[in-house]
C-alpha atoms as a PDB file:
ATOM      1  CA  MET A   1     -33.593  15.464  -0.515  1.00  0.00           C
ATOM      2  CA  ASN A   2     -31.470  17.550  -2.876  1.00  0.00           C
ATOM      3  CA  ARG A   3     -28.495  19.653  -1.814  1.00  0.00           C
ATOM      4  CA  ARG A   4     -30.294  23.011  -1.944  1.00  0.00           C
ATOM      5  CA  ALA A   5     -33.097  21.733   0.304  1.00  0.00           C
ATOM      6  CA  ARG A   6     -30.610  20.269   2.762  1.00  0.00           C
ATOM      7  CA  ARG A   7     -28.745  23.570   2.998  1.00  0.00           C
ATOM      8  CA  LEU A   8     -31.992  25.477   3.611  1.00  0.00           C
ATOM      9  CA  LEU A   9     -32.796  23.072   6.433  1.00  0.00           C
ATOM     10  CA  LEU A  10     -29.243  23.279   7.738  1.00  0.00           C
ATOM     11  CA  ALA A  11     -29.267  27.064   8.222  1.00  0.00           C
ATOM     12  CA  PRO A  12     -31.985  27.260  10.926  1.00  0.00           C
ATOM     13  CA  ALA A  13     -30.534  24.171  12.559  1.00  0.00           C
ATOM     14  CA  LEU A  14     -27.176  25.925  12.892  1.00  0.00           C
ATOM     15  CA  LEU A  15     -28.847  28.949  14.481  1.00  0.00           C
ATOM     16  CA  LEU A  16     -30.523  26.718  17.037  1.00  0.00           C
ATOM     17  CA  LEU A  17     -27.249  24.969  17.771  1.00  0.00           C
ATOM     18  CA  SER A  18     -25.503  28.290  18.291  1.00  0.00           C
ATOM     19  CA  ALA A  19     -28.251  29.508  20.573  1.00  0.00           C
ATOM     20  CA  ALA A  20     -27.809  26.401  22.714  1.00  0.00           C
ATOM     21  CA  ASP A  21     -24.118  27.214  23.362  1.00  0.00           C
ATOM     22  CA  GLN A  22     -22.947  24.457  21.089  1.00  0.00           C
ATOM     23  CA  PRO A  23     -19.517  24.505  19.415  1.00  0.00           C
ATOM     24  CA  ILE A  24     -19.098  26.301  16.091  1.00  0.00           C
ATOM     25  CA  LEU A  25     -17.059  25.247  13.075  1.00  0.00           C
ATOM     26  CA  VAL A  26     -14.912  27.768  11.206  1.00  0.00           C
ATOM     27  CA  PRO A  27     -13.937  25.930   7.985  1.00  0.00           C
ATOM     28  CA  ASP A  28     -12.024  26.875   4.866  1.00  0.00           C
ATOM     29  CA  VAL A  29     -10.537  25.247   1.770  1.00  0.00           C
ATOM     30  CA  SER A  30      -7.188  25.684   0.054  1.00  0.00           C
ATOM     31  CA  GLN A  31      -8.822  26.614  -3.270  1.00  0.00           C
ATOM     32  CA  ARG A  32     -12.184  28.269  -3.791  1.00  0.00           C
ATOM     33  CA  GLU A  33     -11.737  27.994  -7.569  1.00  0.00           C
ATOM     34  CA  VAL A  34     -10.147  25.159  -9.536  1.00  0.00           C
ATOM     35  CA  GLU A  35      -9.296  25.727 -13.201  1.00  0.00           C
ATOM     36  CA  ILE A  36      -9.267  22.805 -15.628  1.00  0.00           C
ATOM     37  CA  GLN A  37      -6.965  22.914 -18.625  1.00  0.00           C
ATOM     38  CA  TYR A  38      -6.026  20.266 -21.187  1.00  0.00           C
ATOM     39  CA  SER A  39      -3.128  19.201 -18.945  1.00  0.00           C
ATOM     40  CA  PHE A  40      -5.259  18.827 -15.804  1.00  0.00           C
ATOM     41  CA  THR A  41      -4.420  15.508 -14.119  1.00  0.00           C
ATOM     42  CA  GLY A  42      -6.312  15.996 -10.879  1.00  0.00           C
ATOM     43  CA  ALA A  43      -5.610  17.908  -7.690  1.00  0.00           C
ATOM     44  CA  ASP A  44      -5.652  17.641  -3.911  1.00  0.00           C
ATOM     45  CA  LEU A  45      -7.895  19.963  -1.927  1.00  0.00           C
ATOM     46  CA  LEU A  46      -6.992  20.815   1.653  1.00  0.00           C
ATOM     47  CA  LEU A  47     -10.008  21.280   3.917  1.00  0.00           C
ATOM     48  CA  PHE A  48      -9.105  22.801   7.251  1.00  0.00           C
ATOM     49  CA  GLY A  49     -10.528  24.860  10.055  1.00  0.00           C
ATOM     50  CA  ALA A  50     -11.092  25.314  13.751  1.00  0.00           C
ATOM     51  CA  ILE A  51     -13.606  24.195  16.356  1.00  0.00           C
ATOM     52  CA  VAL A  52     -14.750  27.033  18.605  1.00  0.00           C
ATOM     53  CA  TYR A  53     -16.110  25.774  21.926  1.00  0.00           C
ATOM     54  CA  PRO A  54     -18.228  27.939  24.276  1.00  0.00           C
ATOM     55  CA  ASP A  55     -15.914  29.641  26.797  1.00  0.00           C
ATOM     56  CA  GLY A  56     -13.067  27.591  25.319  1.00  0.00           C
ATOM     57  CA  ARG A  57     -14.112  24.486  27.251  1.00  0.00           C
ATOM     58  CA  GLN A  58     -13.382  21.281  25.350  1.00  0.00           C
ATOM     59  CA  PRO A  59     -15.398  18.113  26.062  1.00  0.00           C
ATOM     60  CA  LYS A  60     -13.695  15.375  28.035  1.00  0.00           C
ATOM     61  CA  LYS A  61     -14.297  12.939  25.205  1.00  0.00           C
ATOM     62  CA  PRO A  62     -12.664  14.058  21.919  1.00  0.00           C
ATOM     63  CA  ALA A  63     -15.056  14.945  19.109  1.00  0.00           C
ATOM     64  CA  ASP A  64     -14.893  13.633  15.542  1.00  0.00           C
ATOM     65  CA  ILE A  65     -14.747  15.493  12.267  1.00  0.00           C
ATOM     66  CA  LEU A  66     -16.155  14.406   8.911  1.00  0.00           C
ATOM     67  CA  VAL A  67     -15.663  16.343   5.679  1.00  0.00           C
ATOM     68  CA  VAL A  68     -17.640  15.695   2.507  1.00  0.00           C
ATOM     69  CA  LEU A  69     -16.943  17.147  -0.932  1.00  0.00           C
ATOM     70  CA  LYS A  70     -19.763  16.867  -3.466  1.00  0.00           C
ATOM     71  CA  GLY A  71     -20.081  17.766  -7.123  1.00  0.00           C
ATOM     72  CA  PRO A  72     -23.195  18.741  -9.104  1.00  0.00           C
ATOM     73  CA  ASP A  73     -26.000  16.187  -9.220  1.00  0.00           C
ATOM     74  CA  GLN A  74     -26.603  14.273 -12.433  1.00  0.00           C
ATOM     75  CA  SER A  75     -29.455  12.234 -13.844  1.00  0.00           C
ATOM     76  CA  ILE A  76     -28.052   8.807 -14.696  1.00  0.00           C
ATOM     77  CA  THR A  77     -29.507   5.836 -16.575  1.00  0.00           C
ATOM     78  CA  MET A  78     -27.819   2.517 -15.826  1.00  0.00           C
ATOM     79  CA  ARG A  79     -28.142  -0.316 -18.333  1.00  0.00           C
ATOM     80  CA  GLU A  80     -27.400  -3.963 -17.722  1.00  0.00           C
ATOM     81  CA  LYS A  81     -26.154  -5.963 -20.716  1.00  0.00           C
ATOM     82  CA  GLN A  82     -26.973  -9.605 -21.327  1.00  0.00           C
ATOM     83  CA  LYS A  83     -25.633 -12.006 -23.923  1.00  0.00           C
ATOM     84  CA  VAL A  84     -28.398 -13.398 -26.132  1.00  0.00           C
ATOM     85  CA  ALA A  85     -27.528 -15.739 -29.025  1.00  0.00           C
ATOM     86  CA  GLY A  86     -23.933 -14.584 -28.842  1.00  0.00           C
ATOM     87  CA  ILE A  87     -24.844 -10.868 -29.013  1.00  0.00           C
ATOM     88  CA  TRP A  88     -24.625  -8.434 -26.129  1.00  0.00           C
ATOM     89  CA  ILE A  89     -27.860  -6.420 -25.798  1.00  0.00           C
ATOM     90  CA  ASN A  90     -29.276  -3.968 -23.259  1.00  0.00           C
ATOM     91  CA  ALA A  91     -31.540  -5.716 -20.789  1.00  0.00           C
ATOM     92  CA  ASP A  92     -32.725  -4.142 -17.533  1.00  0.00           C
ATOM     93  CA  THR A  93     -32.331  -0.423 -16.886  1.00  0.00           C
ATOM     94  CA  ALA A  94     -32.639   1.858 -13.872  1.00  0.00           C
ATOM     95  CA  ARG A  95     -32.692   5.648 -13.708  1.00  0.00           C
ATOM     96  CA  PHE A  96     -31.404   7.799 -10.838  1.00  0.00           C
ATOM     97  CA  ARG A  97     -32.361  11.481 -10.710  1.00  0.00           C
ATOM     98  CA  SER A  98     -29.713  12.886  -8.363  1.00  0.00           C
ATOM     99  CA  ALA A  99     -26.419  11.010  -8.426  1.00  0.00           C
ATOM    100  CA  PRO A 100     -23.517  13.249  -7.367  1.00  0.00           C
ATOM    101  CA  SER A 101     -21.045  13.607 -10.218  1.00  0.00           C
ATOM    102  CA  PHE A 102     -18.301  13.541  -7.574  1.00  0.00           C
ATOM    103  CA  TYR A 103     -18.247  12.482  -3.925  1.00  0.00           C
ATOM    104  CA  ALA A 104     -15.326  12.328  -1.504  1.00  0.00           C
ATOM    105  CA  MET A 105     -15.441  11.874   2.249  1.00  0.00           C
ATOM    106  CA  ALA A 106     -12.798  11.847   4.961  1.00  0.00           C
ATOM    107  CA  SER A 107     -13.301  11.185   8.665  1.00  0.00           C
ATOM    108  CA  SER A 108     -11.246  11.154  11.824  1.00  0.00           C
ATOM    109  CA  ARG A 109     -12.277   7.547  12.500  1.00  0.00           C
ATOM    110  CA  PRO A 110     -14.098   4.814  10.570  1.00  0.00           C
ATOM    111  CA  ILE A 111     -17.628   6.065   9.930  1.00  0.00           C
ATOM    112  CA  GLU A 112     -19.290   3.168  11.783  1.00  0.00           C
ATOM    113  CA  GLN A 113     -17.415   4.229  14.925  1.00  0.00           C
ATOM    114  CA  VAL A 114     -18.549   7.843  14.604  1.00  0.00           C
ATOM    115  CA  VAL A 115     -22.300   7.788  13.837  1.00  0.00           C
ATOM    116  CA  ASP A 116     -25.097   5.256  13.644  1.00  0.00           C
ATOM    117  CA  GLN A 117     -26.757   4.128  10.421  1.00  0.00           C
ATOM    118  CA  ARG A 118     -29.656   6.577  10.723  1.00  0.00           C
ATOM    119  CA  THR A 119     -27.445   9.642  11.182  1.00  0.00           C
ATOM    120  CA  ALA A 120     -25.176   8.522   8.342  1.00  0.00           C
ATOM    121  CA  ALA A 121     -28.219   8.212   6.052  1.00  0.00           C
ATOM    122  CA  ILE A 122     -29.599  11.652   7.002  1.00  0.00           C
ATOM    123  CA  TYR A 123     -26.334  13.455   6.237  1.00  0.00           C
ATOM    124  CA  GLU A 124     -25.249  11.126   3.390  1.00  0.00           C
ATOM    125  CA  MET A 125     -22.042  10.119   5.157  1.00  0.00           C
ATOM    126  CA  GLY A 126     -20.485   7.491   2.911  1.00  0.00           C
ATOM    127  CA  VAL A 127     -21.139   6.376  -0.652  1.00  0.00           C
ATOM    128  CA  GLU A 128     -23.479   3.638   0.555  1.00  0.00           C
ATOM    129  CA  LYS A 129     -25.728   6.318   2.097  1.00  0.00           C
ATOM    130  CA  LEU A 130     -26.106   8.506  -0.980  1.00  0.00           C
ATOM    131  CA  GLN A 131     -29.721   9.355  -1.804  1.00  0.00           C
ATOM    132  CA  LEU A 132     -29.771   8.788  -5.551  1.00  0.00           C
ATOM    133  CA  SER A 133     -33.554   9.258  -5.950  1.00  0.00           C
ATOM    134  CA  PRO A 134     -34.447   6.385  -8.308  1.00  0.00           C
ATOM    135  CA  SER A 135     -37.173   7.336 -10.764  1.00  0.00           C
ATOM    136  CA  SER A 136     -37.726   3.928 -12.377  1.00  0.00           C
ATOM    137  CA  LEU A 137     -40.159   1.326 -11.092  1.00  0.00           C
ATOM    138  CA  ASN A 138     -37.634  -1.454 -10.566  1.00  0.00           C
ATOM    139  CA  GLU A 139     -37.923  -3.816  -7.641  1.00  0.00           C
ATOM    140  CA  SER A 140     -35.934  -2.966  -4.526  1.00  0.00           C
ATOM    141  CA  ALA A 141     -33.395  -5.739  -5.110  1.00  0.00           C
ATOM    142  CA  GLU A 142     -32.809  -4.564  -8.699  1.00  0.00           C
ATOM    143  CA  LEU A 143     -32.345  -0.944  -7.602  1.00  0.00           C
ATOM    144  CA  ASP A 144     -29.826  -2.040  -4.979  1.00  0.00           C
ATOM    145  CA  ARG A 145     -27.912  -3.944  -7.663  1.00  0.00           C
ATOM    146  CA  PHE A 146     -27.887  -0.987 -10.046  1.00  0.00           C
ATOM    147  CA  GLN A 147     -26.889   1.423  -7.280  1.00  0.00           C
ATOM    148  CA  ALA A 148     -24.015  -0.856  -6.284  1.00  0.00           C
ATOM    149  CA  GLY A 149     -22.957  -0.982  -9.940  1.00  0.00           C
ATOM    150  CA  LEU A 150     -23.029   2.815 -10.267  1.00  0.00           C
ATOM    151  CA  ILE A 151     -20.966   3.248  -7.105  1.00  0.00           C
ATOM    152  CA  ASP A 152     -18.451   0.641  -8.263  1.00  0.00           C
ATOM    153  CA  LEU A 153     -18.008   2.329 -11.664  1.00  0.00           C
ATOM    154  CA  ARG A 154     -17.445   5.742 -10.121  1.00  0.00           C
ATOM    155  CA  GLU A 155     -15.103   4.409  -7.454  1.00  0.00           C
ATOM    156  CA  ARG A 156     -12.938   2.843 -10.165  1.00  0.00           C
ATOM    157  CA  ALA A 157     -12.944   6.166 -12.046  1.00  0.00           C
ATOM    158  CA  GLY A 158     -11.816   7.997  -8.905  1.00  0.00           C
ATOM    159  CA  LEU A 159     -15.089   9.938  -8.719  1.00  0.00           C
ATOM    160  CA  TYR A 160     -16.307   8.372  -5.454  1.00  0.00           C
ATOM    161  CA  VAL A 161     -13.735   8.285  -2.661  1.00  0.00           C
ATOM    162  CA  GLU A 162     -13.790   7.427   1.040  1.00  0.00           C
ATOM    163  CA  ARG A 163     -10.819   8.045   3.330  1.00  0.00           C
ATOM    164  CA  ALA A 164     -11.612   6.944   6.843  1.00  0.00           C
ATOM    165  CA  GLY A 165      -9.230   7.940   9.611  1.00  0.00           C
ATOM    166  CA  THR A 166      -7.438  10.618   7.567  1.00  0.00           C
ATOM    167  CA  VAL A 167      -8.769  13.782   9.231  1.00  0.00           C
ATOM    168  CA  GLU A 168      -6.095  15.152  11.545  1.00  0.00           C
ATOM    169  CA  ILE A 169      -7.293  16.933  14.695  1.00  0.00           C
ATOM    170  CA  THR A 170      -4.669  18.937  16.577  1.00  0.00           C
ATOM    171  CA  GLU A 171      -5.109  19.823  20.258  1.00  0.00           C
ATOM    172  CA  GLY A 172      -8.812  19.117  19.887  1.00  0.00           C
ATOM    173  CA  VAL A 173      -9.564  22.374  18.053  1.00  0.00           C
ATOM    174  CA  LEU A 174      -7.720  22.441  14.707  1.00  0.00           C
ATOM    175  CA  TYR A 175      -8.446  19.976  11.918  1.00  0.00           C
ATOM    176  CA  ARG A 176      -7.269  19.308   8.390  1.00  0.00           C
ATOM    177  CA  ALA A 177      -7.963  16.761   5.673  1.00  0.00           C
ATOM    178  CA  ARG A 178      -6.927  16.249   2.080  1.00  0.00           C
ATOM    179  CA  LEU A 179      -9.388  15.049  -0.540  1.00  0.00           C
ATOM    180  CA  PRO A 180      -8.448  14.134  -4.124  1.00  0.00           C
ATOM    181  CA  LEU A 181     -10.081  15.679  -7.174  1.00  0.00           C
ATOM    182  CA  SER A 182     -10.122  13.269 -10.098  1.00  0.00           C
ATOM    183  CA  ALA A 183      -9.034  14.426 -13.543  1.00  0.00           C
ATOM    184  CA  ARG A 184     -12.515  13.352 -14.669  1.00  0.00           C
ATOM    185  CA  VAL A 185     -14.471  15.868 -12.595  1.00  0.00           C
ATOM    186  CA  ILE A 186     -17.011  18.012 -14.402  1.00  0.00           C
ATOM    187  CA  VAL A 187     -17.253  21.783 -14.201  1.00  0.00           C
ATOM    188  CA  GLY A 188     -19.783  23.326 -11.871  1.00  0.00           C
ATOM    189  CA  ASP A 189     -20.445  24.296  -8.269  1.00  0.00           C
ATOM    190  CA  TYR A 190     -19.173  21.957  -5.562  1.00  0.00           C
ATOM    191  CA  THR A 191     -19.837  21.999  -1.815  1.00  0.00           C
ATOM    192  CA  ALA A 192     -17.444  21.139   1.006  1.00  0.00           C
ATOM    193  CA  GLU A 193     -19.424  20.166   4.106  1.00  0.00           C
ATOM    194  CA  THR A 194     -17.827  19.754   7.531  1.00  0.00           C
ATOM    195  CA  PHE A 195     -19.539  17.960  10.410  1.00  0.00           C
ATOM    196  CA  LEU A 196     -18.562  17.973  14.087  1.00  0.00           C
ATOM    197  CA  VAL A 197     -19.794  14.817  15.807  1.00  0.00           C
ATOM    198  CA  GLN A 198     -19.925  14.324  19.576  1.00  0.00           C
ATOM    199  CA  ASP A 199     -21.193  11.075  21.129  1.00  0.00           C
ATOM    200  CA  GLY A 200     -22.716  10.028  17.797  1.00  0.00           C
ATOM    201  CA  ARG A 201     -24.613  13.322  17.298  1.00  0.00           C
ATOM    202  CA  VAL A 202     -23.918  16.051  14.768  1.00  0.00           C
ATOM    203  CA  VAL A 203     -23.487  19.116  16.999  1.00  0.00           C
ATOM    204  CA  ALA A 204     -22.177  21.546  14.381  1.00  0.00           C
ATOM    205  CA  ALA A 205     -21.943  21.783  10.594  1.00  0.00           C
ATOM    206  CA  ALA A 206     -20.671  24.263   8.037  1.00  0.00           C
ATOM    207  CA  VAL A 207     -20.483  24.548   4.250  1.00  0.00           C
ATOM    208  CA  ARG A 208     -18.017  26.155   1.858  1.00  0.00           C
ATOM    209  CA  ASP A 209     -18.562  26.514  -1.888  1.00  0.00           C
ATOM    210  CA  ILE A 210     -15.990  25.563  -4.513  1.00  0.00           C
ATOM    211  CA  THR A 211     -16.190  26.342  -8.231  1.00  0.00           C
ATOM    212  CA  ILE A 212     -14.551  24.182 -10.875  1.00  0.00           C
ATOM    213  CA  ARG A 213     -14.346  25.765 -14.308  1.00  0.00           C
ATOM    214  CA  LYS A 214     -12.526  25.413 -17.584  1.00  0.00           C
ATOM    215  CA  SER A 215      -9.855  27.884 -18.604  1.00  0.00           C
ATOM    216  CA  GLY A 216      -7.765  28.696 -21.654  1.00  0.00           C
ATOM    217  CA  PHE A 217      -8.634  27.038 -24.966  1.00  0.00           C
ATOM    218  CA  GLU A 218     -11.028  24.571 -23.272  1.00  0.00           C
ATOM    219  CA  GLN A 219     -13.073  27.464 -21.900  1.00  0.00           C
ATOM    220  CA  PHE A 220     -13.186  29.147 -25.319  1.00  0.00           C
ATOM    221  CA  MET A 221     -14.422  25.951 -26.972  1.00  0.00           C
ATOM    222  CA  ALA A 222     -17.061  25.393 -24.292  1.00  0.00           C
ATOM    223  CA  VAL A 223     -18.338  28.975 -24.590  1.00  0.00           C
ATOM    224  CA  ALA A 224     -18.357  28.769 -28.387  1.00  0.00           C
ATOM    225  CA  ALA A 225     -20.343  25.526 -28.356  1.00  0.00           C
ATOM    226  CA  GLU A 226     -22.913  27.035 -25.999  1.00  0.00           C
ATOM    227  CA  GLU A 227     -23.191  30.583 -27.357  1.00  0.00           C
ATOM    228  CA  TRP A 228     -22.760  29.946 -31.109  1.00  0.00           C
ATOM    229  CA  PRO A 229     -23.714  26.294 -31.705  1.00  0.00           C
ATOM    230  CA  PHE A 230     -24.397  26.747 -35.441  1.00  0.00           C
ATOM    231  CA  LEU A 231     -21.034  28.405 -36.172  1.00  0.00           C
ATOM    232  CA  TYR A 232     -19.315  25.924 -33.873  1.00  0.00           C
ATOM    233  CA  GLY A 233     -20.818  23.037 -35.844  1.00  0.00           C
ATOM    234  CA  LEU A 234     -19.792  24.541 -39.180  1.00  0.00           C
ATOM    235  CA  ALA A 235     -16.246  25.107 -37.910  1.00  0.00           C
ATOM    236  CA  ALA A 236     -16.030  21.529 -36.656  1.00  0.00           C
ATOM    237  CA  ILE A 237     -17.217  20.160 -40.030  1.00  0.00           C
ATOM    238  CA  ALA A 238     -14.786  22.403 -41.932  1.00  0.00           C
ATOM    239  CA  LEU A 239     -11.919  21.311 -39.677  1.00  0.00           C
ATOM    240  CA  ALA A 240     -12.774  17.632 -40.160  1.00  0.00           C
ATOM    241  CA  VAL A 241     -13.008  18.025 -43.951  1.00  0.00           C
ATOM    242  CA  GLY A 242      -9.739  19.961 -44.053  1.00  0.00           C
ATOM    243  CA  MET A 243      -7.891  17.369 -42.003  1.00  0.00           C
ATOM    244  CA  GLY A 244      -9.286  14.582 -44.175  1.00  0.00           C
ATOM    245  CA  TRP A 245      -8.208  16.364 -47.361  1.00  0.00           C
ATOM    246  CA  ALA A 246      -4.732  17.007 -45.920  1.00  0.00           C
ATOM    247  CA  ALA A 247      -4.337  13.374 -44.882  1.00  0.00           C
ATOM    248  CA  GLY A 248      -5.385  12.249 -48.376  1.00  0.00           C
ATOM    249  CA  ALA A 249      -2.957  14.648 -50.058  1.00  0.00           C
ATOM    250  CA  ILE A 250      -0.075  13.419 -47.921  1.00  0.00           C
ATOM    251  CA  ALA A 251      -0.974   9.786 -48.626  1.00  0.00           C
ATOM    252  CA  ARG A 252      -1.016  10.420 -52.406  1.00  0.00           C
ATOM    253  CA  ARG A 253       2.371  12.140 -52.302  1.00  0.00           C
ATOM    254  CA  PHE A 254       4.022   9.237 -50.492  1.00  0.00           C
END
């Protein structure tokens, strides 16, 4: 299920929850827009908010909070290399239609102590529960291996992050969590989802949108490449030729 479909299903669910006198989440983020420049080395986003209980009555057992930050989905092809006659060649491949370009999750407790496996899978709580939508006809064991490889690569790049036990809940109604944005994030629309969990059930959820975009010279280059690809290509070729000529002239002089 893609993100748009999940949000369409989430809206009526939230109305039903509200009608049943369930608690309501009032979330926000420290930055609704993040600008990427050539010097961008990453950032920390603060996700915070309040839990509004009916008539102000808090449950006897404290609730849990999970926050999930997701980037735009990507179609990814994973290739496994094998060494044949001393040469590395591409062997098996697997294709995933909807791998999040970025995924970060924080929770008030370890995820296995908050929800069961089924609930975690429904709401994609944790990198192991991501629904990557494989489109290739590989066997189940092969797909599991490729999915584990994709997750490992993105975890090492700082693009998939889990921070269990880092959501701070104050007086049972205020919460805050910090999630890191890698310097390798792509531009696009991101979603920050917050879940309130009571006795293993998601009783409230809310979403905030975040936009990551290029600015300055990087934005100009991106717009030029998209709007005027022919002129952009000619300028790139002319720049490369000019730099090559200049390097040659300097080498001849010295």
